[in-house]
Each structure stands twice: as C-alpha cells, then as structure tokens.
Protein backbone atom coordinates (compact mmCIF):
# COMPACT_ATOMS: atom_id res chain seq x y z
CA MET A 1 46.32 149.61 143.49
CA VAL A 2 47.73 146.81 141.32
CA ALA A 3 51.20 147.63 142.57
CA GLY A 4 49.93 147.44 146.13
CA VAL A 5 48.32 144.06 145.53
CA LEU A 6 51.47 142.73 143.89
CA GLY A 7 53.51 144.06 146.79
CA GLY A 8 51.22 142.31 149.24
CA VAL A 9 51.48 139.03 147.34
CA ALA A 10 55.27 139.35 147.26
CA ALA A 11 55.33 140.03 150.99
CA LEU A 12 53.18 136.97 151.67
CA GLY A 13 55.39 134.88 149.42
CA GLY A 14 58.48 136.15 151.22
CA ALA A 15 56.96 135.38 154.60
CA ALA A 16 56.16 131.84 153.49
CA PHE A 17 59.63 131.31 152.01
CA PHE A 18 61.58 132.77 154.92
CA GLY A 19 59.29 131.81 157.79
CA VAL A 20 57.20 128.76 157.04
CA LEU A 21 59.05 126.61 154.53
CA PRO A 22 62.23 126.01 156.60
CA ARG A 23 60.10 124.88 159.55
CA LEU A 24 58.00 122.60 157.35
CA LEU A 25 61.16 121.14 155.83
CA GLU A 26 62.66 120.51 159.26
CA ARG A 27 59.46 118.92 160.50
CA ARG A 28 59.32 116.61 157.46
CA LEU A 29 63.00 115.58 157.50
CA ASN A 30 63.51 115.12 161.25
CA GLY A 31 60.70 112.85 162.27
CA VAL A 32 59.89 110.61 165.23
CA THR A 33 57.96 107.41 164.53
CA GLU A 34 54.61 106.88 166.18
CA ALA A 35 55.49 103.36 167.29
CA ARG A 36 54.83 102.69 170.97
CA LEU A 37 58.03 102.52 172.99
CA PRO A 38 58.50 99.88 175.70
CA PRO A 39 58.13 101.22 179.24
CA VAL A 40 61.32 102.22 181.06
CA GLU A 41 61.21 100.28 184.31
CA PRO A 42 62.01 102.08 187.60
CA ASP A 43 65.39 100.34 188.03
CA ALA A 44 66.42 101.33 184.50
CA ARG A 45 65.27 104.89 185.07
CA ARG A 46 67.23 105.13 188.33
CA LEU A 47 70.32 103.79 186.58
CA HIS A 48 69.91 106.20 183.68
CA GLU A 49 69.63 109.19 186.00
CA SER A 50 72.98 108.21 187.54
CA LEU A 51 74.84 108.02 184.21
CA THR A 52 77.03 110.50 182.35
CA VAL A 53 75.33 110.31 178.95
CA VAL A 54 77.23 111.55 175.89
CA ASP A 55 75.90 111.80 172.33
CA LEU A 56 78.63 112.19 169.70
CA HIS A 57 76.58 113.75 166.90
CA SER A 58 73.62 116.07 166.38
CA ASP A 59 72.96 118.39 163.43
CA ALA A 60 70.68 120.73 165.36
CA LEU A 61 72.80 123.77 164.40
CA LEU A 62 71.70 123.34 160.79
CA TRP A 63 68.21 124.46 161.77
CA HIS A 64 67.75 128.11 162.69
CA ARG A 65 65.98 127.83 166.04
CA ASP A 66 66.78 128.71 169.62
CA LEU A 67 68.46 125.73 171.33
CA LEU A 68 67.29 127.02 174.70
CA ARG A 69 63.58 126.63 173.88
CA ARG A 70 61.71 123.36 173.64
CA VAL A 71 59.97 123.15 170.27
CA ASP A 72 57.54 120.71 168.70
CA ARG A 73 59.84 119.59 165.87
CA GLY A 74 63.23 117.97 165.49
CA HIS A 75 65.04 116.00 168.15
CA VAL A 76 67.40 118.18 170.23
CA ASP A 77 67.12 121.32 172.33
CA LEU A 78 68.32 122.11 175.84
CA PRO A 79 65.06 121.27 177.66
CA ARG A 80 64.95 117.87 175.98
CA LEU A 81 68.64 117.24 176.69
CA GLU A 82 67.93 117.96 180.36
CA ALA A 83 64.88 115.69 180.34
CA GLY A 84 67.03 112.90 178.89
CA ASN A 85 69.85 113.44 181.42
CA VAL A 86 72.36 114.08 178.61
CA ALA A 87 75.60 115.35 180.13
CA LEU A 88 77.37 116.28 176.89
CA GLN A 89 76.02 116.82 173.38
CA VAL A 90 78.31 117.15 170.37
CA PHE A 91 76.81 119.69 167.95
CA SER A 92 78.04 119.31 164.39
CA SER A 93 78.17 121.86 161.58
CA VAL A 94 76.74 120.65 158.26
CA THR A 95 77.79 123.01 155.49
CA LYS A 96 77.00 121.27 152.21
CA THR A 97 74.75 118.47 150.96
CA PRO A 98 74.35 117.46 147.29
CA LYS A 99 71.09 117.39 145.36
CA GLY A 100 69.72 113.89 145.07
CA GLN A 101 71.74 112.84 148.10
CA ASN A 102 72.10 109.07 148.43
CA PHE A 103 74.37 106.54 150.14
CA ASP A 104 76.03 105.24 146.97
CA GLU A 105 77.37 107.98 144.69
CA ASN A 106 77.27 111.77 144.89
CA ALA A 107 79.10 114.52 143.00
CA ALA A 108 80.35 117.63 144.77
CA ASP A 109 79.06 120.18 142.26
CA THR A 110 75.66 120.91 143.83
CA ASP A 111 74.59 122.14 147.25
CA ARG A 112 71.21 122.29 148.99
CA ILE A 113 72.41 124.18 152.08
CA THR A 114 72.86 127.45 150.19
CA LEU A 115 69.11 127.81 149.63
CA LEU A 116 68.43 126.77 153.22
CA SER A 117 70.86 129.43 154.47
CA VAL A 118 69.03 132.09 152.46
CA ALA A 119 65.57 130.85 153.49
CA GLN A 120 66.57 130.85 157.17
CA LEU A 121 67.90 134.42 156.85
CA ARG A 122 71.39 133.41 157.90
CA PRO A 123 74.03 136.15 157.47
CA PRO A 124 74.84 136.79 153.78
CA ARG A 125 78.45 135.70 154.30
CA THR A 126 77.14 132.17 154.84
CA TRP A 127 75.41 132.11 151.45
CA THR A 128 78.65 131.74 149.53
CA SER A 129 81.25 130.42 152.00
CA LEU A 130 81.30 126.96 153.56
CA LEU A 131 83.84 128.15 156.12
CA GLN A 132 81.58 131.03 157.15
CA ARG A 133 78.68 128.63 157.58
CA SER A 134 80.66 126.66 160.15
CA LEU A 135 81.88 129.79 161.90
CA HIS A 136 78.29 131.03 162.09
CA HIS A 137 77.13 127.69 163.54
CA ALA A 138 79.87 127.92 166.16
CA ALA A 139 78.79 131.47 167.02
CA CYS A 140 75.16 130.33 167.40
CA LEU A 141 76.24 127.63 169.85
CA GLU A 142 78.39 130.09 171.78
CA SER A 143 75.48 132.55 171.93
CA ALA A 144 73.15 129.87 173.26
CA ALA A 145 75.63 129.00 176.00
CA ALA A 146 76.06 132.67 176.92
CA ARG A 147 72.29 133.16 177.19
CA SER A 148 71.61 129.95 179.09
CA GLY A 149 72.35 131.19 182.62
CA GLY A 150 74.89 128.42 183.08
CA ARG A 151 72.63 125.58 181.92
CA LEU A 152 74.62 125.06 178.68
CA ALA A 153 78.42 125.05 178.98
CA LEU A 154 80.89 124.98 176.10
CA VAL A 155 83.50 122.23 176.29
CA ARG A 156 86.72 123.15 174.52
CA THR A 157 89.46 121.92 176.85
CA ALA A 158 90.11 119.01 179.17
CA GLU A 159 89.59 121.42 182.06
CA ASP A 160 86.17 122.42 180.70
CA LEU A 161 85.23 118.75 180.62
CA GLU A 162 86.32 118.17 184.21
CA GLN A 163 84.49 121.26 185.41
CA LEU A 164 81.34 120.00 183.70
CA LEU A 165 81.62 116.59 185.34
CA VAL A 166 82.28 118.08 188.78
CA ALA A 167 79.34 120.46 188.43
CA ARG A 168 76.96 117.68 187.45
CA ALA A 169 78.24 115.44 190.26
CA SER A 170 77.44 118.24 192.72
CA GLY A 171 73.86 118.37 191.47
CA ARG A 172 74.05 121.40 189.19
CA ARG A 173 71.77 121.34 186.16
CA VAL A 174 74.27 121.91 183.37
CA THR A 175 74.72 120.28 179.97
CA GLY A 176 77.97 120.36 178.02
CA ALA A 177 78.15 121.38 174.36
CA LEU A 178 81.09 120.50 172.11
CA PHE A 179 81.41 121.84 168.55
CA SER A 180 82.32 119.60 165.63
CA VAL A 181 82.18 119.79 161.83
CA GLU A 182 80.86 117.27 159.34
CA GLY A 183 83.24 117.29 156.40
CA LEU A 184 86.38 119.37 155.98
CA HIS A 185 85.28 120.77 152.64
CA ASN A 186 84.67 123.84 154.83
CA LEU A 187 88.47 124.36 154.85
CA GLN A 188 87.99 125.34 151.19
CA GLY A 189 91.38 123.82 150.44
CA ARG A 190 93.26 126.08 152.86
CA LEU A 191 95.16 124.66 155.84
CA GLU A 192 95.04 128.03 157.59
CA SER A 193 91.24 127.71 157.81
CA LEU A 194 91.94 125.31 160.69
CA ASP A 195 93.09 128.31 162.72
CA LEU A 196 89.64 129.89 162.50
CA LEU A 197 87.75 126.66 163.15
CA GLU A 198 89.94 125.76 166.11
CA ALA A 199 89.48 129.24 167.58
CA ALA A 200 85.71 128.87 167.09
CA GLY A 201 85.78 125.73 169.24
CA MET A 202 85.98 122.84 166.76
CA ARG A 203 87.23 119.83 168.74
CA ILE A 204 85.98 116.96 166.53
CA ALA A 205 86.49 117.03 162.76
CA GLY A 206 84.71 114.72 160.35
CA LEU A 207 86.92 114.42 157.28
CA THR A 208 84.13 113.88 154.74
CA HIS A 209 80.39 114.00 154.32
CA PHE A 210 78.40 112.80 151.28
CA PHE A 211 80.96 113.58 148.57
CA ASP A 212 84.70 113.47 147.97
CA ASN A 213 86.51 116.66 148.98
CA GLU A 214 90.00 118.17 148.98
CA VAL A 215 90.91 116.18 152.10
CA ALA A 216 89.70 112.64 151.43
CA GLY A 217 87.35 110.30 149.63
CA SER A 218 83.83 109.75 150.94
CA MET A 219 82.01 106.44 151.14
CA HIS A 220 79.28 108.17 149.14
CA GLY A 221 81.50 110.01 146.63
CA LEU A 222 82.32 109.30 143.00
CA ALA A 223 85.93 108.16 143.33
CA LYS A 224 85.88 106.90 146.93
CA THR A 225 89.65 107.34 147.15
CA GLY A 226 91.68 107.80 150.32
CA LEU A 227 93.52 110.74 151.88
CA THR A 228 94.89 113.32 149.48
CA ALA A 229 98.32 114.88 149.95
CA PHE A 230 96.50 117.85 151.46
CA GLY A 231 94.49 115.45 153.61
CA ARG A 232 97.63 113.94 155.08
CA GLU A 233 98.75 117.44 156.06
CA VAL A 234 95.35 118.08 157.61
CA LEU A 235 95.46 114.80 159.56
CA THR A 236 98.85 115.70 161.01
CA GLU A 237 97.60 119.15 161.98
CA LEU A 238 94.41 117.84 163.58
CA GLU A 239 96.38 115.49 165.80
CA ARG A 240 98.91 118.20 166.66
CA ARG A 241 96.09 120.54 167.68
CA ARG A 242 94.40 117.74 169.67
CA ILE A 243 91.27 117.82 167.52
CA VAL A 244 89.59 114.41 167.39
CA VAL A 245 89.55 112.83 163.92
CA ASP A 246 86.14 111.47 162.89
CA VAL A 247 85.90 108.88 160.07
CA ALA A 248 82.09 108.76 159.81
CA HIS A 249 81.12 108.89 156.10
CA ALA A 250 84.74 108.26 155.00
CA SER A 251 85.54 105.73 152.29
CA HIS A 252 87.00 102.38 153.30
CA THR A 253 90.35 103.49 151.87
CA THR A 254 90.26 106.73 153.89
CA VAL A 255 89.37 104.86 157.08
CA SER A 256 92.22 102.40 156.54
CA GLU A 257 94.77 105.16 155.89
CA VAL A 258 93.63 107.22 158.90
CA LEU A 259 93.79 104.23 161.22
CA SER A 260 97.27 103.34 159.97
CA ALA A 261 98.58 106.86 160.56
CA ALA A 262 96.73 107.82 163.76
CA THR A 263 98.64 108.44 166.96
CA ARG A 264 95.56 109.49 168.99
CA PRO A 265 92.10 107.93 169.40
CA VAL A 266 89.93 108.01 166.27
CA VAL A 267 86.13 108.09 166.40
CA SER A 268 83.33 107.18 164.06
CA SER A 269 80.82 109.59 165.49
CA HIS A 270 77.56 108.32 164.04
CA GLY A 271 76.47 105.35 161.97
CA GLY A 272 76.18 101.61 162.29
CA VAL A 273 77.92 98.33 161.59
CA GLN A 274 77.71 96.12 158.53
CA ALA A 275 77.02 93.04 160.64
CA THR A 276 73.57 94.27 161.73
CA CYS A 277 72.74 96.69 158.88
CA GLU A 278 74.42 96.19 155.52
CA VAL A 279 74.50 99.79 154.32
CA ASN A 280 77.77 101.02 152.81
CA ARG A 281 78.23 103.86 155.31
CA ASN A 282 78.43 101.39 158.20
CA LEU A 283 81.68 99.94 159.55
CA THR A 284 83.11 96.52 158.83
CA ASP A 285 84.42 94.34 161.67
CA GLU A 286 87.99 95.13 160.58
CA GLU A 287 87.24 98.85 160.86
CA ILE A 288 85.66 98.42 164.29
CA ARG A 289 88.79 96.62 165.49
CA GLY A 290 90.95 99.34 163.91
CA VAL A 291 89.09 102.17 165.66
CA ALA A 292 89.28 100.27 168.96
CA ALA A 293 93.02 99.72 168.50
CA THR A 294 93.57 103.50 168.47
CA GLY A 295 91.67 103.77 171.75
CA GLY A 296 88.74 105.25 169.85
CA ILE A 297 84.98 104.68 169.82
CA VAL A 298 82.15 103.87 167.43
CA GLY A 299 79.01 105.99 167.89
CA ILE A 300 75.84 104.09 166.97
CA GLY A 301 72.95 106.03 165.45
CA TYR A 302 69.22 105.57 165.89
CA TRP A 303 67.81 105.62 162.36
CA GLU A 304 67.01 102.93 159.81
CA ALA A 305 70.09 103.17 157.56
CA ALA A 306 72.35 102.93 160.60
CA VAL A 307 70.76 100.07 162.52
CA GLY A 308 68.01 98.61 160.33
CA ALA A 309 65.03 99.91 162.30
CA PRO A 310 64.50 102.92 164.61
CA THR A 311 63.99 100.78 167.71
CA PRO A 312 65.87 100.33 171.00
CA ALA A 313 66.43 96.68 170.12
CA ALA A 314 68.12 97.52 166.80
CA VAL A 315 70.34 100.16 168.41
CA VAL A 316 71.46 97.74 171.12
CA ASP A 317 72.02 94.98 168.53
CA ALA A 318 74.60 97.26 166.90
CA LEU A 319 76.11 98.33 170.22
CA GLU A 320 76.47 94.69 171.27
CA HIS A 321 78.26 93.89 168.03
CA VAL A 322 80.74 96.72 168.59
CA MET A 323 81.28 95.43 172.14
CA ALA A 324 81.83 91.88 170.87
CA VAL A 325 84.29 92.89 168.14
CA GLY A 326 86.07 95.91 169.60
CA GLY A 327 85.46 95.49 173.32
CA VAL A 328 83.11 97.29 175.69
CA GLY A 329 85.39 100.34 175.55
CA ALA A 330 84.73 100.86 171.84
CA ALA A 331 80.94 101.36 171.98
CA ALA A 332 79.23 104.76 172.21
CA LEU A 333 76.16 106.75 171.17
CA GLY A 334 75.99 108.87 168.02
CA SER A 335 72.33 109.62 167.35
CA ASP A 336 72.57 111.86 164.23
CA TYR A 337 69.62 113.73 165.68
CA ASP A 338 68.27 116.53 163.46
CA GLY A 339 70.34 115.14 160.57
CA ALA A 340 67.40 114.51 158.21
CA VAL A 341 66.64 111.18 159.92
CA THR A 342 63.53 109.56 161.34
CA VAL A 343 64.12 108.06 164.77
CA GLY A 344 62.07 106.24 167.37
CA TRP A 345 62.57 108.80 170.14
CA ASP A 346 64.04 112.24 170.65
CA THR A 347 66.81 112.99 173.13
CA SER A 348 64.38 113.36 176.03
CA GLU A 349 63.80 109.59 175.86
CA VAL A 350 67.34 108.28 175.37
CA SER A 351 66.78 106.24 178.54
CA GLN A 352 65.26 103.72 176.09
CA VAL A 353 68.81 102.62 175.24
CA THR A 354 69.78 102.25 178.89
CA ALA A 355 66.65 100.21 179.56
CA GLU A 356 67.30 97.87 176.62
CA LEU A 357 70.90 97.29 177.68
CA LEU A 358 69.78 96.52 181.24
CA ARG A 359 66.96 94.30 179.97
CA ARG A 360 69.54 92.18 178.15
CA GLY A 361 71.57 91.63 181.27
CA HIS A 362 74.53 93.95 180.73
CA ALA A 363 76.40 94.94 183.87
CA GLU A 364 75.86 98.47 185.11
CA PRO A 365 79.55 99.48 184.70
CA ASP A 366 79.41 98.37 181.06
CA ILE A 367 76.18 100.29 180.50
CA ALA A 368 77.77 103.37 182.04
CA ALA A 369 80.74 103.00 179.67
CA VAL A 370 78.59 102.65 176.55
CA MET A 371 76.17 105.45 177.44
CA GLY A 372 78.94 108.01 177.88
CA GLY A 373 81.91 106.81 179.91
CA ASN A 374 83.85 105.71 176.84
CA ALA A 375 83.31 109.09 175.17
CA VAL A 376 84.48 110.89 178.31
CA ARG A 377 87.64 108.78 178.31
CA VAL A 378 88.43 109.64 174.68
CA LEU A 379 87.83 113.34 175.24
CA ARG A 380 89.99 113.33 178.38
CA GLU A 381 92.81 111.81 176.35
CA THR A 382 92.50 114.12 173.36
CA LEU A 383 91.14 117.55 174.34
CA PRO A 384 93.80 120.23 174.75
CA PRO A 385 94.67 121.45 178.24
CA ALA A 386 93.31 124.79 179.38
C-alpha cells in the first residue's frame, strides 16, 4: 500500500512538473499589461488591414504548444497573427539562456533551457545538444505549416516570399513563417552545422544571445569582444548562403566589425535605440546609420528594456528615431514576443502601432514601409532563389 501511495505521489509530481509548471512559467514570463490601450480609429484600422505587416522576431517556438491553436497565454499563435493581419512572422530558436540572466554580464557555463526541454518532454536529443534544439524547433514549425491547411506557409526562398505576397493580395488567408536562430552557439563550434541549419530553413542568424560564444562577443557577455577567427568564417559563409546576419544582442565591437565586412543587408531583429531607452542592448546612432548603410533594418521591440515602456507611444518614439537617423527605409518591427517579456498587446493588436504612426501624421507609404515593406525589401534582396 505504501508503495502504491508513493507511486501515486510520484505520478502527481511528474504530472505537475511535465504538465503544469512549463505553462505557469510561460504565463508568468510572457505577460501583457492590463493598461487600457487607445482606441484604433476606423481610418487606422482600414489602413492596417491593407498593409503587409512583418515582425522580425518571436520566440514562440521555445514554448511547447500548438501554433495553430489560440491559447490564453503568451503573445503569438496563428489565430492571433491572422487577427492582427500579420503577413510574415519570423520565428526564432532560443537554445540557451544563462542562470541569473541580465543585460550587463553573463557567463556561458550555465543553461536554463535544458531543464525546460526536459519539463516540456522535448525529444531526449534536445536535452544535451544545442544544435538539436534548433533542429527540433525548425521541425515543429514545419509540422505546424504542414497541418495548417495552407494557412501557415514556410518562407525559405525569394520565390516563397513572392508566392506569399501574391496569395495575400488575391485575398487568401495565409501567413508566412520564416525560421531564424538566436545565437550561433548552436553551431557548437562546427562550421558544418550550418549545413543542417540551412537545410532546416534557417534564413536569419543572430550571432549572439546573452553570452559570448565561439562566433562573437555579446553585449551581455563577460569579455564583450568582437568576431572570432571562427566568427569571420561564419560571417563569410552566412553571406555566401544568403542567410541574413542579425546583430541583435551583439557587442558594440561585433556590430562594428560585422558592418565593416558586410556585403549584404544586415538586420538588428529586435531591440531599441539608446536615444529613447538607454539600455546597453540598444543601438547607438552610429550603429543605426551603419545598419542603414548596408541596406538593412532595425526591428523595434515592444517591451520596457527596448523602448522604455510597453506603450504604442514608446514604440513609435523609437521607430521615429530610427527614421530620423537612418531614414524611413531603416525602420521595422521586432516584437520579441514570447521572449520572456511583458508587452502592452499581443500580436492580434499590432494595429496599435499603425494607429500611433497615423496619429502622429506619418504618410501612409512611410507607415507601410515601417510596418513591413522595409522587411520585405531586405528579404527580397537576400533570400536565395528557388
């Protein structure tokens, strides 16, 4: 009898660990404030519904839930993307985060994602391999697209992008999904790992995350150095393979070295600017101008450390600064949804940004560029042909 009771307790404990705790963690980390949002006026709503909206960064793949179902936690799933008229969502693979994560200084010798992978019952190969975590995330995205009945379409080539745009222009309800990675520590120091990631659909590659890695120094690492010798090889390979280089989270030295060497557009997929929010992960004016000079774009996030406050006004303050420093063509959206951030709205209400831009008197062609046109241009220039 005692053994039976102990077995029952263990089963209940296992159910809580594997079933409940990951959901509670996601609900706690990916919040939406209860502040009342300003109304979206009819003219702003009509304009928003006509736009091609692109978001450069979401970490939804980190959380083990079905992207095709609307849930009551987090920020992104297909029904909410459709409600927000999002044409293309970039889904990033987060594979490692340090204990005690902060914006100033993190070592690379700890990892919180391992326990999350176990708790979410991810395949055992993902428990010990950062590369396998990314490959699993890519497979989850591919599976969602395959099960979506055509509502979610993978974008891996320039032709895929054009087909998506044509389909949406004809009135089809379809949302594009592009796979990226956040930090090339998932290469595990091996250049040939790019073969597997490229084949899995990686088309945007963030060089670093919250710690220095074998490729480059992070803004939040210990040394905060620039590109390593291996990193320079990786940069050359990424450009050759037409994979977009992403400098979000990179150290100032890394950003400078990437911008000096780049021959294709560079992006900063998600973050803010120092001028409106003085947090070290945000870009200086010199870096904004450097990204713009490559033909690239700066994706502005929606959370406090990116823009100062999770409000439409704060987001547009940052977007306007990018437009003033780098030109209208340099500004874009990079929400960081589901990335352990608290925001003012989920993706179903991204029309808040359109409305604030219109409220401030920006011309409709400029709004269209910022909300997604600039991102489409960069992807057209960089994605490989079919």
